[in-house]
Amino acid sequence: MPKPELVIGYDEECRPVQAVCSACGEEMPKGEPRVTTTKEMITWFSSQFYFHVRRKHAEEEPES
């Protein structure tokens, strides 16, 4: 399986509106209502992706 990467989708005004895992296609949860700026949305999606990878893909990575 390919290494999971965060893929962020943007609207016509270049605001992040969606994020998915490249490995499995699971969509990351949308930001809470107080998350409104571009920086906050990218931070939100990144943190959700981090937890997603640890939960869904951790067993797929080889040990060092």
PDB file of N, CA and C in Angstrom:
ATOM      1  N   MET A   1       0.851  -1.178   0.000  1.00  0.00           N
ATOM      2  CA  MET A   1       0.000   0.000   0.000  1.00  0.00           C
ATOM      3  C   MET A   1       0.895   1.239   0.000  1.00  0.00           C
ATOM      4  N   PRO A   2       0.497   2.284  -0.740  1.00  0.00           N
ATOM      5  CA  PRO A   2       1.324   3.499  -0.781  1.00  0.00           C
ATOM      6  C   PRO A   2       1.372   4.211   0.562  1.00  0.00           C
ATOM      7  N   LYS A   3       2.442   4.963   0.760  1.00  0.00           N
ATOM      8  CA  LYS A   3       2.592   5.731   1.994  1.00  0.00           C
ATOM      9  C   LYS A   3       1.493   6.793   2.066  1.00  0.00           C
ATOM     10  N   PRO A   4       0.789   6.893   3.196  1.00  0.00           N
ATOM     11  CA  PRO A   4      -0.284   7.876   3.320  1.00  0.00           C
ATOM     12  C   PRO A   4       0.245   9.307   3.262  1.00  0.00           C
ATOM     13  N   GLU A   5      -0.436  10.117   2.483  1.00  0.00           N
ATOM     14  CA  GLU A   5      -0.136  11.545   2.408  1.00  0.00           C
ATOM     15  C   GLU A   5      -1.440  12.313   2.526  1.00  0.00           C
ATOM     16  N   LEU A   6      -1.353  13.508   3.058  1.00  0.00           N
ATOM     17  CA  LEU A   6      -2.509  14.370   3.194  1.00  0.00           C
ATOM     18  C   LEU A   6      -2.713  15.126   1.882  1.00  0.00           C
ATOM     19  N   VAL A   7      -3.909  15.012   1.315  1.00  0.00           N
ATOM     20  CA  VAL A   7      -4.249  15.721   0.081  1.00  0.00           C
ATOM     21  C   VAL A   7      -5.343  16.724   0.427  1.00  0.00           C
ATOM     22  N   ILE A   8      -5.030  18.010   0.255  1.00  0.00           N
ATOM     23  CA  ILE A   8      -5.974  19.067   0.614  1.00  0.00           C
ATOM     24  C   ILE A   8      -6.603  19.639  -0.645  1.00  0.00           C
ATOM     25  N   GLY A   9      -7.937  19.771  -0.611  1.00  0.00           N
ATOM     26  CA  GLY A   9      -8.675  20.390  -1.707  1.00  0.00           C
ATOM     27  C   GLY A   9      -9.008  21.830  -1.352  1.00  0.00           C
ATOM     28  N   TYR A  10      -8.919  22.690  -2.341  1.00  0.00           N
ATOM     29  CA  TYR A  10      -9.144  24.123  -2.138  1.00  0.00           C
ATOM     30  C   TYR A  10     -10.336  24.606  -2.949  1.00  0.00           C
ATOM     31  N   ASP A  11     -11.003  25.660  -2.460  1.00  0.00           N
ATOM     32  CA  ASP A  11     -12.093  26.258  -3.227  1.00  0.00           C
ATOM     33  C   ASP A  11     -11.520  27.281  -4.210  1.00  0.00           C
ATOM     34  N   GLU A  12     -12.393  27.969  -4.925  1.00  0.00           N
ATOM     35  CA  GLU A  12     -11.951  28.924  -5.951  1.00  0.00           C
ATOM     36  C   GLU A  12     -11.198  30.120  -5.383  1.00  0.00           C
ATOM     37  N   GLU A  13     -11.296  30.346  -4.078  1.00  0.00           N
ATOM     38  CA  GLU A  13     -10.561  31.436  -3.436  1.00  0.00           C
ATOM     39  C   GLU A  13      -9.325  30.929  -2.692  1.00  0.00           C
ATOM     40  N   CYS A  14      -8.910  29.709  -3.028  1.00  0.00           N
ATOM     41  CA  CYS A  14      -7.711  29.065  -2.456  1.00  0.00           C
ATOM     42  C   CYS A  14      -7.804  28.843  -0.950  1.00  0.00           C
ATOM     43  N   ARG A  15      -9.009  28.617  -0.450  1.00  0.00           N
ATOM     44  CA  ARG A  15      -9.190  28.257   0.955  1.00  0.00           C
ATOM     45  C   ARG A  15      -9.319  26.742   1.042  1.00  0.00           C
ATOM     46  N   PRO A  16      -8.628  26.114   1.997  1.00  0.00           N
ATOM     47  CA  PRO A  16      -8.743  24.660   2.144  1.00  0.00           C
ATOM     48  C   PRO A  16     -10.145  24.283   2.612  1.00  0.00           C
ATOM     49  N   VAL A  17     -10.781  23.370   1.891  1.00  0.00           N
ATOM     50  CA  VAL A  17     -12.157  22.993   2.220  1.00  0.00           C
ATOM     51  C   VAL A  17     -12.338  21.498   2.429  1.00  0.00           C
ATOM     52  N   GLN A  18     -11.344  20.706   2.056  1.00  0.00           N
ATOM     53  CA  GLN A  18     -11.469  19.255   2.149  1.00  0.00           C
ATOM     54  C   GLN A  18     -10.076  18.657   2.241  1.00  0.00           C
ATOM     55  N   ALA A  19      -9.966  17.525   2.933  1.00  0.00           N
ATOM     56  CA  ALA A  19      -8.693  16.815   3.000  1.00  0.00           C
ATOM     57  C   ALA A  19      -8.972  15.317   3.043  1.00  0.00           C
ATOM     58  N   VAL A  20      -8.165  14.557   2.319  1.00  0.00           N
ATOM     59  CA  VAL A  20      -8.313  13.105   2.285  1.00  0.00           C
ATOM     60  C   VAL A  20      -6.952  12.442   2.421  1.00  0.00           C
ATOM     61  N   CYS A  21      -6.981  11.191   2.819  1.00  0.00           N
ATOM     62  CA  CYS A  21      -5.784  10.363   2.894  1.00  0.00           C
ATOM     63  C   CYS A  21      -5.533   9.775   1.510  1.00  0.00           C
ATOM     64  N   SER A  22      -4.331   9.955   0.991  1.00  0.00           N
ATOM     65  CA  SER A  22      -4.019   9.447  -0.347  1.00  0.00           C
ATOM     66  C   SER A  22      -3.982   7.924  -0.404  1.00  0.00           C
ATOM     67  N   ALA A  23      -3.704   7.284   0.721  1.00  0.00           N
ATOM     68  CA  ALA A  23      -3.564   5.826   0.734  1.00  0.00           C
ATOM     69  C   ALA A  23      -4.908   5.100   0.734  1.00  0.00           C
ATOM     70  N   CYS A  24      -5.874   5.629   1.483  1.00  0.00           N
ATOM     71  CA  CYS A  24      -7.149   4.903   1.602  1.00  0.00           C
ATOM     72  C   CYS A  24      -8.366   5.714   1.164  1.00  0.00           C
ATOM     73  N   GLY A  25      -8.180   7.013   0.934  1.00  0.00           N
ATOM     74  CA  GLY A  25      -9.280   7.848   0.460  1.00  0.00           C
ATOM     75  C   GLY A  25     -10.221   8.360   1.538  1.00  0.00           C
ATOM     76  N   GLU A  26      -9.926   8.054   2.801  1.00  0.00           N
ATOM     77  CA  GLU A  26     -10.807   8.517   3.870  1.00  0.00           C
ATOM     78  C   GLU A  26     -10.725  10.028   3.998  1.00  0.00           C
ATOM     79  N   GLU A  27     -11.883  10.679   4.081  1.00  0.00           N
ATOM     80  CA  GLU A  27     -11.938  12.130   4.225  1.00  0.00           C
ATOM     81  C   GLU A  27     -11.722  12.510   5.683  1.00  0.00           C
ATOM     82  N   MET A  28     -10.913  13.540   5.893  1.00  0.00           N
ATOM     83  CA  MET A  28     -10.675  14.033   7.243  1.00  0.00           C
ATOM     84  C   MET A  28     -11.883  14.862   7.684  1.00  0.00           C
ATOM     85  N   PRO A  29     -12.188  14.831   8.991  1.00  0.00           N
ATOM     86  CA  PRO A  29     -13.313  15.633   9.488  1.00  0.00           C
ATOM     87  C   PRO A  29     -13.096  17.113   9.194  1.00  0.00           C
ATOM     88  N   LYS A  30     -14.191  17.804   8.934  1.00  0.00           N
ATOM     89  CA  LYS A  30     -14.129  19.251   8.711  1.00  0.00           C
ATOM     90  C   LYS A  30     -13.808  19.936  10.030  1.00  0.00           C
ATOM     91  N   GLY A  31     -13.241  21.138   9.948  1.00  0.00           N
ATOM     92  CA  GLY A  31     -12.909  21.912  11.135  1.00  0.00           C
ATOM     93  C   GLY A  31     -14.151  22.324  11.897  1.00  0.00           C
ATOM     94  N   GLU A  32     -13.982  22.497  13.173  1.00  0.00           N
ATOM     95  CA  GLU A  32     -15.075  22.970  14.009  1.00  0.00           C
ATOM     96  C   GLU A  32     -15.445  24.385  13.570  1.00  0.00           C
ATOM     97  N   PRO A  33     -16.629  24.871  13.913  1.00  0.00           N
ATOM     98  CA  PRO A  33     -17.060  26.203  13.467  1.00  0.00           C
ATOM     99  C   PRO A  33     -16.077  27.330  13.774  1.00  0.00           C
ATOM    100  N   ARG A  34     -15.310  27.220  14.852  1.00  0.00           N
ATOM    101  CA  ARG A  34     -14.370  28.297  15.182  1.00  0.00           C
ATOM    102  C   ARG A  34     -13.109  28.265  14.321  1.00  0.00           C
ATOM    103  N   VAL A  35     -12.923  27.216  13.531  1.00  0.00           N
ATOM    104  CA  VAL A  35     -11.761  27.102  12.653  1.00  0.00           C
ATOM    105  C   VAL A  35     -12.138  27.745  11.316  1.00  0.00           C
ATOM    106  N   THR A  36     -11.607  28.944  11.066  1.00  0.00           N
ATOM    107  CA  THR A  36     -12.065  29.676   9.881  1.00  0.00           C
ATOM    108  C   THR A  36     -10.959  30.155   8.953  1.00  0.00           C
ATOM    109  N   THR A  37      -9.758  30.413   9.461  1.00  0.00           N
ATOM    110  CA  THR A  37      -8.705  30.931   8.591  1.00  0.00           C
ATOM    111  C   THR A  37      -8.010  29.781   7.858  1.00  0.00           C
ATOM    112  N   THR A  38      -7.310  30.135   6.790  1.00  0.00           N
ATOM    113  CA  THR A  38      -6.578  29.131   6.016  1.00  0.00           C
ATOM    114  C   THR A  38      -5.570  28.402   6.894  1.00  0.00           C
ATOM    115  N   LYS A  39      -4.820  29.149   7.685  1.00  0.00           N
ATOM    116  CA  LYS A  39      -3.815  28.537   8.565  1.00  0.00           C
ATOM    117  C   LYS A  39      -4.475  27.587   9.558  1.00  0.00           C
ATOM    118  N   GLU A  40      -5.597  28.002  10.155  1.00  0.00           N
ATOM    119  CA  GLU A  40      -6.306  27.135  11.111  1.00  0.00           C
ATOM    120  C   GLU A  40      -6.832  25.870  10.434  1.00  0.00           C
ATOM    121  N   MET A  41      -7.347  26.004   9.210  1.00  0.00           N
ATOM    122  CA  MET A  41      -7.875  24.829   8.506  1.00  0.00           C
ATOM    123  C   MET A  41      -6.769  23.841   8.173  1.00  0.00           C
ATOM    124  N   ILE A  42      -5.630  24.334   7.697  1.00  0.00           N
ATOM    125  CA  ILE A  42      -4.517  23.430   7.381  1.00  0.00           C
ATOM    126  C   ILE A  42      -4.013  22.754   8.649  1.00  0.00           C
ATOM    127  N   THR A  43      -3.924  23.500   9.736  1.00  0.00           N
ATOM    128  CA  THR A  43      -3.515  22.914  11.017  1.00  0.00           C
ATOM    129  C   THR A  43      -4.523  21.863  11.463  1.00  0.00           C
ATOM    130  N   TRP A  44      -5.802  22.165  11.332  1.00  0.00           N
ATOM    131  CA  TRP A  44      -6.868  21.221  11.717  1.00  0.00           C
ATOM    132  C   TRP A  44      -6.771  19.937  10.893  1.00  0.00           C
ATOM    133  N   PHE A  45      -6.718  20.071   9.556  1.00  0.00           N
ATOM    134  CA  PHE A  45      -6.646  18.890   8.699  1.00  0.00           C
ATOM    135  C   PHE A  45      -5.375  18.085   8.984  1.00  0.00           C
ATOM    136  N   SER A  46      -4.266  18.768   9.221  1.00  0.00           N
ATOM    137  CA  SER A  46      -3.013  18.071   9.513  1.00  0.00           C
ATOM    138  C   SER A  46      -3.098  17.269  10.803  1.00  0.00           C
ATOM    139  N   SER A  47      -3.693  17.853  11.821  1.00  0.00           N
ATOM    140  CA  SER A  47      -3.820  17.127  13.088  1.00  0.00           C
ATOM    141  C   SER A  47      -4.762  15.939  12.947  1.00  0.00           C
ATOM    142  N   GLN A  48      -5.850  16.103  12.203  1.00  0.00           N
ATOM    143  CA  GLN A  48      -6.769  14.991  11.979  1.00  0.00           C
ATOM    144  C   GLN A  48      -6.082  13.879  11.189  1.00  0.00           C
ATOM    145  N   PHE A  49      -5.265  14.264  10.220  1.00  0.00           N
ATOM    146  CA  PHE A  49      -4.538  13.292   9.418  1.00  0.00           C
ATOM    147  C   PHE A  49      -3.532  12.530  10.267  1.00  0.00           C
ATOM    148  N   TYR A  50      -2.852  13.225  11.151  1.00  0.00           N
ATOM    149  CA  TYR A  50      -1.894  12.577  12.052  1.00  0.00           C
ATOM    150  C   TYR A  50      -2.579  11.470  12.851  1.00  0.00           C
ATOM    151  N   PHE A  51      -3.737  11.780  13.430  1.00  0.00           N
ATOM    152  CA  PHE A  51      -4.459  10.775  14.208  1.00  0.00           C
ATOM    153  C   PHE A  51      -4.980   9.652  13.315  1.00  0.00           C
ATOM    154  N   HIS A  52      -5.415  10.000  12.117  1.00  0.00           N
ATOM    155  CA  HIS A  52      -5.889   8.990  11.170  1.00  0.00           C
ATOM    156  C   HIS A  52      -4.779   7.994  10.834  1.00  0.00           C
ATOM    157  N   VAL A  53      -3.588   8.492  10.522  1.00  0.00           N
ATOM    158  CA  VAL A  53      -2.467   7.622  10.163  1.00  0.00           C
ATOM    159  C   VAL A  53      -2.085   6.729  11.336  1.00  0.00           C
ATOM    160  N   ARG A  54      -2.039   7.285  12.523  1.00  0.00           N
ATOM    161  CA  ARG A  54      -1.695   6.475  13.702  1.00  0.00           C
ATOM    162  C   ARG A  54      -2.736   5.397  13.943  1.00  0.00           C
ATOM    163  N   ARG A  55      -4.000   5.700  13.680  1.00  0.00           N
ATOM    164  CA  ARG A  55      -5.085   4.763  13.936  1.00  0.00           C
ATOM    165  C   ARG A  55      -5.226   3.728  12.822  1.00  0.00           C
ATOM    166  N   LYS A  56      -5.129   4.154  11.572  1.00  0.00           N
ATOM    167  CA  LYS A  56      -5.433   3.266  10.446  1.00  0.00           C
ATOM    168  C   LYS A  56      -4.222   2.679   9.734  1.00  0.00           C
ATOM    169  N   HIS A  57      -3.085   3.364   9.769  1.00  0.00           N
ATOM    170  CA  HIS A  57      -1.964   2.936   8.938  1.00  0.00           C
ATOM    171  C   HIS A  57      -0.693   2.604   9.732  1.00  0.00           C
ATOM    172  N   ALA A  58      -0.711   2.733  11.032  1.00  0.00           N
ATOM    173  CA  ALA A  58       0.494   2.509  11.837  1.00  0.00           C
ATOM    174  C   ALA A  58       1.037   1.085  11.660  1.00  0.00           C
ATOM    175  N   GLU A  59       0.155   0.115  11.594  1.00  0.00           N
ATOM    176  CA  GLU A  59       0.613  -1.271  11.478  1.00  0.00           C
ATOM    177  C   GLU A  59       1.194  -1.586  10.116  1.00  0.00           C
ATOM    178  N   GLU A  60       0.992  -0.714   9.125  1.00  0.00           N
ATOM    179  CA  GLU A  60       1.499  -0.946   7.786  1.00  0.00           C
ATOM    180  C   GLU A  60       2.943  -0.517   7.629  1.00  0.00           C
ATOM    181  N   GLU A  61       3.417   0.399   8.499  1.00  0.00           N
ATOM    182  CA  GLU A  61       4.776   0.912   8.363  1.00  0.00           C
ATOM    183  C   GLU A  61       5.791  -0.059   8.959  1.00  0.00           C
ATOM    184  N   PRO A  62       6.889  -0.300   8.250  1.00  0.00           N
ATOM    185  CA  PRO A  62       7.918  -1.195   8.781  1.00  0.00           C
ATOM    186  C   PRO A  62       8.616  -0.555   9.977  1.00  0.00           C
ATOM    187  N   GLU A  63       9.047  -1.388  10.911  1.00  0.00           N
ATOM    188  CA  GLU A  63       9.743  -0.888  12.079  1.00  0.00           C
ATOM    189  C   GLU A  63      11.181  -0.543  11.712  1.00  0.00           C
ATOM    190  N   SER A  64      11.735   0.458  12.373  1.00  0.00           N
ATOM    191  CA  SER A  64      13.111   0.888  12.094  1.00  0.00           C
ATOM    192  C   SER A  64      14.096   0.085  12.895  1.00  0.00           C
TER     193      SER A  64
END
